[in-house]
Amino acid sequence: MDIIDFENLPEYGLRHIRYGDFRAAGQFVVQSRSGFFLCTAGQMEFADRERFYNIKRGDIYLYSSNNQLYIKETGEDLEGYAGIADMTYILSMASSLLKVDRVMRSYTLAHPCISLTDEEMKDIEELCELFLRKDAMEHSGIQRQICNHIGKALCFQIALAFSRHEENRIKPSSREDQIVLKFLFSLQKYIYAHHDVVFYAGLQSLSTRYFSAVIKARTGHTAIEWIIDVVIAASKNLLSDPAMSIKEVGYRMGFPNPSFFGRYFRHYTGMSPGEYREAVARQRMGSSD
């Protein structure tokens, strides 16, 4: 199986790609980092976690790290921008614009592809082109800072586009949608104490089997996957605060003891809470240079 490994993208994580890049990769594409794909010409049909998308010019798709796409069909005129970007950063900005915290982030991750307005397309495409022009120049310290600022502006524009679309989309249109949205909102309220599917199904007086089936069918992810994602996201947020000890973070997240919290966190992230905290500290130090 051929793979496009986005680890090999430029340092700043953006490049203009064409049909030939996907054709060379075969039917499967693996993203080792999270990011986005903006289609500027042509079309492509692909599947991500059992859901099919058919994107065309003006569509933007957010992808998560360690995710695999099945490319069903691509037009020979396919072009676009593929960028490495921290989805937590983008969706944090988008959710702050809507002031609905991580609920919007969760909903966007379940619906990662939107069609941009002409104005949104123009703004994002111009920033991509500006980024690539600046990135192609000789890199001094100031030049790297300029690229970083353009990259942040690009992330903001993407977040703004998603927030505008979510304002209209986060409205239940069926009983199943209401079940999903109530679940996502209840996650934010109870995630610090409850990590089991039975509890969240019970909040809506539903059987665990029916509740789980609705969440999977409507979002493409199981209820336990949502719970784990929010537990880890909330844990990372607390661990990023050096004022809280790891023991305090574990208890705040509802774990009975620090050892259990450490095993849980390592299992789903590949690192211990302490290692994650050290990585965040190093990243902050690097960004301040």
Protein backbone atom coordinates (compact mmCIF):
# COMPACT_ATOMS: atom_id res chain seq x y z
CA MET A 1 0.00 0.00 0.00
CA ASP A 2 1.44 3.37 -1.02
CA ILE A 3 1.23 6.20 1.47
CA ILE A 4 1.55 9.98 1.38
CA ASP A 5 3.32 10.72 4.64
CA PHE A 6 2.60 14.30 5.63
CA GLU A 7 5.62 14.18 7.96
CA ASN A 8 7.57 15.00 4.80
CA LEU A 9 5.76 18.27 4.21
CA PRO A 10 7.82 21.45 4.63
CA GLU A 11 8.71 22.59 8.14
CA TYR A 12 5.80 24.97 8.37
CA GLY A 13 3.34 22.43 7.07
CA LEU A 14 1.80 23.79 3.87
CA ARG A 15 2.14 22.93 0.22
CA HIS A 16 0.25 23.15 -3.03
CA ILE A 17 -0.69 19.65 -4.19
CA ARG A 18 -2.14 18.30 -7.41
CA TYR A 19 -3.75 15.20 -8.84
CA GLY A 20 -0.37 13.57 -9.42
CA ASP A 21 0.46 13.66 -5.71
CA PHE A 22 -2.62 11.59 -4.90
CA ARG A 23 -2.21 9.34 -7.93
CA ALA A 24 1.33 8.49 -6.82
CA ALA A 25 0.01 7.51 -3.40
CA GLY A 26 -2.57 4.99 -4.60
CA GLN A 27 -5.93 4.60 -2.89
CA PHE A 28 -4.83 5.12 0.71
CA VAL A 29 -3.52 8.27 2.32
CA VAL A 30 -2.27 8.39 5.89
CA GLN A 31 -1.93 11.68 7.74
CA SER A 32 0.65 11.44 10.48
CA ARG A 33 -0.34 14.89 11.74
CA SER A 34 -3.58 16.80 11.88
CA GLY A 35 -4.28 19.48 9.32
CA PHE A 36 -6.54 20.57 6.48
CA PHE A 37 -7.06 20.18 2.76
CA LEU A 38 -8.52 23.08 0.77
CA CYS A 39 -9.74 22.11 -2.68
CA THR A 40 -9.07 24.87 -5.22
CA ALA A 41 -9.93 22.95 -8.42
CA GLY A 42 -11.41 19.65 -9.54
CA GLN A 43 -13.04 17.17 -7.20
CA MET A 44 -12.26 14.13 -5.09
CA GLU A 45 -14.39 11.43 -3.48
CA PHE A 46 -12.96 9.74 -0.41
CA ALA A 47 -13.95 7.94 2.77
CA ASP A 48 -12.86 8.79 6.30
CA ARG A 49 -13.91 6.47 9.12
CA GLU A 50 -16.73 4.92 7.07
CA ARG A 51 -18.17 8.25 5.89
CA PHE A 52 -17.87 9.33 2.24
CA TYR A 53 -17.19 12.88 1.11
CA ASN A 54 -17.23 14.39 -2.36
CA ILE A 55 -15.30 17.64 -2.26
CA LYS A 56 -14.93 20.26 -4.97
CA ARG A 57 -13.50 23.75 -5.32
CA GLY A 58 -14.29 25.80 -2.24
CA ASP A 59 -14.59 22.82 0.12
CA ILE A 60 -12.26 22.48 3.09
CA TYR A 61 -11.71 19.30 5.07
CA LEU A 62 -10.12 19.02 8.52
CA TYR A 63 -8.27 15.78 9.18
CA SER A 64 -6.99 14.35 12.43
CA SER A 65 -3.60 12.79 13.08
CA ASN A 66 -2.97 9.09 12.42
CA ASN A 67 -6.03 8.95 10.23
CA GLN A 68 -6.40 7.01 6.99
CA LEU A 69 -8.36 8.06 3.94
CA TYR A 70 -9.62 5.77 1.21
CA ILE A 71 -9.45 7.69 -2.08
CA LYS A 72 -12.27 6.41 -4.24
CA GLU A 73 -11.96 8.83 -7.16
CA THR A 74 -10.07 12.00 -8.08
CA GLY A 75 -10.47 14.29 -11.05
CA GLU A 76 -7.36 14.87 -13.14
CA ASP A 77 -7.71 18.62 -12.55
CA LEU A 78 -7.63 18.21 -8.76
CA GLU A 79 -5.61 20.89 -6.96
CA GLY A 80 -5.51 22.27 -3.47
CA TYR A 81 -3.53 23.17 -0.39
CA ALA A 82 -2.59 20.58 2.22
CA GLY A 83 -1.48 22.00 5.51
CA ILE A 84 -0.26 20.76 8.85
CA ALA A 85 -2.16 22.53 11.63
CA ASP A 86 -3.01 21.81 15.24
CA MET A 87 -6.72 20.99 15.16
CA THR A 88 -7.01 21.67 18.88
CA TYR A 89 -5.72 25.18 18.21
CA ILE A 90 -8.07 25.79 15.28
CA LEU A 91 -11.15 24.38 16.97
CA SER A 92 -10.37 26.14 20.24
CA MET A 93 -10.47 29.42 18.34
CA ALA A 94 -13.65 28.42 16.53
CA SER A 95 -15.41 27.37 19.72
CA SER A 96 -14.36 30.58 21.48
CA LEU A 97 -15.96 32.53 18.64
CA LEU A 98 -19.23 30.69 19.29
CA LYS A 99 -18.66 30.61 23.08
CA VAL A 100 -19.76 26.96 23.31
CA ASP A 101 -16.42 25.52 24.45
CA ARG A 102 -15.54 21.98 23.41
CA VAL A 103 -19.04 21.06 22.23
CA MET A 104 -18.48 22.88 18.96
CA ARG A 105 -15.10 21.22 18.59
CA SER A 106 -16.68 17.79 19.02
CA TYR A 107 -19.44 18.58 16.53
CA THR A 108 -16.96 19.90 13.98
CA LEU A 109 -14.83 16.78 14.30
CA ALA A 110 -17.94 14.79 13.44
CA HIS A 111 -18.61 17.05 10.43
CA PRO A 112 -15.12 18.01 9.24
CA CYS A 113 -15.95 19.11 5.70
CA ILE A 114 -17.70 22.37 4.79
CA SER A 115 -18.27 24.46 1.66
CA LEU A 116 -16.79 27.93 1.97
CA THR A 117 -18.45 31.10 0.77
CA ASP A 118 -16.67 32.95 -2.03
CA GLU A 119 -15.35 35.48 0.48
CA GLU A 120 -14.08 32.79 2.86
CA MET A 121 -12.42 30.97 -0.04
CA LYS A 122 -10.71 34.14 -1.20
CA ASP A 123 -9.38 34.98 2.28
CA ILE A 124 -8.03 31.49 2.98
CA GLU A 125 -6.55 30.99 -0.49
CA GLU A 126 -4.77 34.36 -0.33
CA LEU A 127 -3.23 33.48 3.04
CA CYS A 128 -2.06 30.11 1.67
CA GLU A 129 -0.38 31.82 -1.26
CA LEU A 130 1.19 34.47 0.97
CA PHE A 131 2.49 31.81 3.34
CA LEU A 132 4.12 29.85 0.53
CA ARG A 133 5.73 32.98 -0.94
CA LYS A 134 7.22 33.97 2.40
CA ASP A 135 8.25 30.41 3.20
CA ALA A 136 10.17 30.18 -0.09
CA MET A 137 12.36 33.12 0.92
CA GLU A 138 15.63 32.84 2.80
CA HIS A 139 14.81 32.18 6.44
CA SER A 140 16.05 34.58 9.05
CA GLY A 141 14.63 34.70 12.56
CA ILE A 142 12.30 37.50 11.55
CA GLN A 143 11.20 35.63 8.42
CA ARG A 144 10.26 32.59 10.51
CA GLN A 145 8.23 34.81 12.81
CA ILE A 146 6.42 36.28 9.81
CA CYS A 147 5.58 32.78 8.57
CA ASN A 148 4.35 31.83 12.03
CA HIS A 149 2.07 34.84 12.19
CA ILE A 150 0.69 34.14 8.71
CA GLY A 151 0.11 30.53 9.77
CA LYS A 152 -1.81 31.67 12.84
CA ALA A 153 -3.87 34.05 10.69
CA LEU A 154 -4.62 31.15 8.35
CA CYS A 155 -5.75 28.98 11.26
CA PHE A 156 -7.95 31.82 12.48
CA GLN A 157 -9.61 32.22 9.08
CA ILE A 158 -10.33 28.48 8.94
CA ALA A 159 -11.71 28.58 12.49
CA LEU A 160 -13.86 31.58 11.61
CA ALA A 161 -15.29 29.76 8.59
CA PHE A 162 -16.18 26.70 10.64
CA SER A 163 -17.70 28.80 13.42
CA ARG A 164 -19.94 30.59 10.93
CA HIS A 165 -21.13 27.32 9.45
CA GLU A 166 -21.66 25.69 12.86
CA GLU A 167 -23.90 28.55 14.01
CA ASN A 168 -26.43 27.35 11.47
CA ARG A 169 -25.68 23.66 11.68
CA ILE A 170 -25.83 23.10 15.44
CA LYS A 171 -29.60 22.91 15.36
CA PRO A 172 -31.28 19.52 15.80
CA SER A 173 -33.34 18.51 12.79
CA SER A 174 -34.44 15.10 14.07
CA ARG A 175 -34.79 13.13 17.28
CA GLU A 176 -31.48 11.44 16.52
CA ASP A 177 -29.76 14.82 16.14
CA GLN A 178 -31.22 15.92 19.46
CA ILE A 179 -29.82 12.79 21.11
CA VAL A 180 -26.37 13.53 19.69
CA LEU A 181 -26.35 17.18 20.69
CA LYS A 182 -27.66 16.47 24.20
CA PHE A 183 -24.88 13.91 24.54
CA LEU A 184 -22.21 16.37 23.41
CA PHE A 185 -23.47 19.04 25.80
CA SER A 186 -23.78 16.60 28.69
CA LEU A 187 -20.18 15.53 28.10
CA GLN A 188 -19.03 19.04 28.92
CA LYS A 189 -21.04 19.07 32.15
CA TYR A 190 -20.29 15.61 33.51
CA ILE A 191 -16.99 14.51 31.94
CA TYR A 192 -15.08 15.26 35.15
CA ALA A 193 -17.05 12.62 37.02
CA HIS A 194 -18.51 10.16 34.53
CA HIS A 195 -16.63 8.25 31.84
CA ASP A 196 -19.10 5.47 31.00
CA VAL A 197 -21.69 5.19 28.22
CA VAL A 198 -24.40 3.85 30.55
CA PHE A 199 -24.49 7.13 32.47
CA TYR A 200 -24.94 9.31 29.37
CA ALA A 201 -27.61 7.02 27.91
CA GLY A 202 -29.43 7.15 31.24
CA LEU A 203 -29.51 10.95 31.19
CA GLN A 204 -31.81 10.67 28.18
CA SER A 205 -33.71 7.64 29.50
CA LEU A 206 -32.43 5.54 26.60
CA SER A 207 -31.14 2.01 26.49
CA THR A 208 -27.36 1.82 26.13
CA ARG A 209 -27.73 -0.21 22.95
CA TYR A 210 -30.06 2.27 21.21
CA PHE A 211 -28.11 5.28 22.45
CA SER A 212 -24.81 3.83 21.21
CA ALA A 213 -26.30 2.96 17.83
CA VAL A 214 -27.61 6.51 17.31
CA ILE A 215 -24.29 8.13 18.24
CA LYS A 216 -22.36 5.84 15.92
CA ALA A 217 -24.79 6.26 13.02
CA ARG A 218 -25.03 10.05 13.26
CA THR A 219 -21.40 10.92 13.99
CA GLY A 220 -19.33 8.03 12.66
CA HIS A 221 -17.77 7.55 16.11
CA THR A 222 -18.87 5.42 19.04
CA ALA A 223 -20.04 7.00 22.27
CA ILE A 224 -17.00 5.67 24.13
CA GLU A 225 -14.71 7.23 21.50
CA TRP A 226 -16.34 10.61 22.16
CA ILE A 227 -15.96 10.15 25.91
CA ILE A 228 -12.29 9.21 25.60
CA ASP A 229 -11.60 12.15 23.26
CA VAL A 230 -13.13 14.64 25.68
CA VAL A 231 -11.45 13.08 28.73
CA ILE A 232 -8.06 13.33 27.04
CA ALA A 233 -8.72 16.86 25.72
CA ALA A 234 -9.83 18.06 29.16
CA SER A 235 -6.86 16.33 30.81
CA LYS A 236 -4.43 17.98 28.39
CA ASN A 237 -6.00 21.34 29.09
CA LEU A 238 -5.54 20.91 32.85
CA LEU A 239 -2.02 19.53 32.46
CA SER A 240 -1.09 22.63 30.49
CA ASP A 241 -1.59 24.62 33.71
CA PRO A 242 1.67 24.30 35.68
CA ALA A 243 -0.11 25.46 38.83
CA MET A 244 -1.95 22.12 39.06
CA SER A 245 -0.08 19.00 40.12
CA ILE A 246 -0.58 15.81 38.11
CA LYS A 247 -2.25 14.29 41.16
CA GLU A 248 -4.72 17.20 41.26
CA VAL A 249 -5.42 16.84 37.54
CA GLY A 250 -6.19 13.14 37.97
CA TYR A 251 -8.62 13.76 40.81
CA ARG A 252 -10.20 16.68 38.94
CA MET A 253 -10.84 14.33 36.01
CA GLY A 254 -12.59 11.83 38.28
CA PHE A 255 -9.92 9.14 38.48
CA PRO A 256 -9.67 7.25 41.79
CA ASN A 257 -5.89 7.60 42.06
CA PRO A 258 -2.90 9.04 40.15
CA SER A 259 -1.73 5.62 38.94
CA PHE A 260 -5.04 4.89 37.24
CA PHE A 261 -5.03 8.32 35.63
CA GLY A 262 -1.46 7.81 34.42
CA ARG A 263 -2.24 4.43 32.85
CA TYR A 264 -5.37 5.78 31.17
CA PHE A 265 -3.59 8.83 29.78
CA ARG A 266 -0.61 6.82 28.51
CA HIS A 267 -2.86 4.25 26.88
CA TYR A 268 -4.62 6.86 24.73
CA THR A 269 -1.78 9.32 24.11
CA GLY A 270 1.36 7.19 24.15
CA MET A 271 2.95 9.28 26.89
CA SER A 272 2.60 9.77 30.62
CA PRO A 273 0.98 12.94 32.04
CA GLY A 274 4.43 14.09 33.14
CA GLU A 275 5.91 13.53 29.68
CA TYR A 276 3.04 15.46 28.11
CA ARG A 277 3.55 18.34 30.52
CA GLU A 278 7.27 18.43 29.72
CA ALA A 279 6.49 18.44 25.98
CA VAL A 280 4.14 21.40 26.44
CA ALA A 281 6.79 23.25 28.43
CA ARG A 282 9.41 22.64 25.71
CA GLN A 283 6.99 23.82 23.04
CA ARG A 284 6.29 27.02 24.95
CA MET A 285 9.98 27.67 25.40
CA GLY A 286 10.60 27.13 21.70
CA SER A 287 7.80 29.46 20.64
CA SER A 288 9.14 32.19 22.90
CA ASP A 289 12.62 32.15 21.32
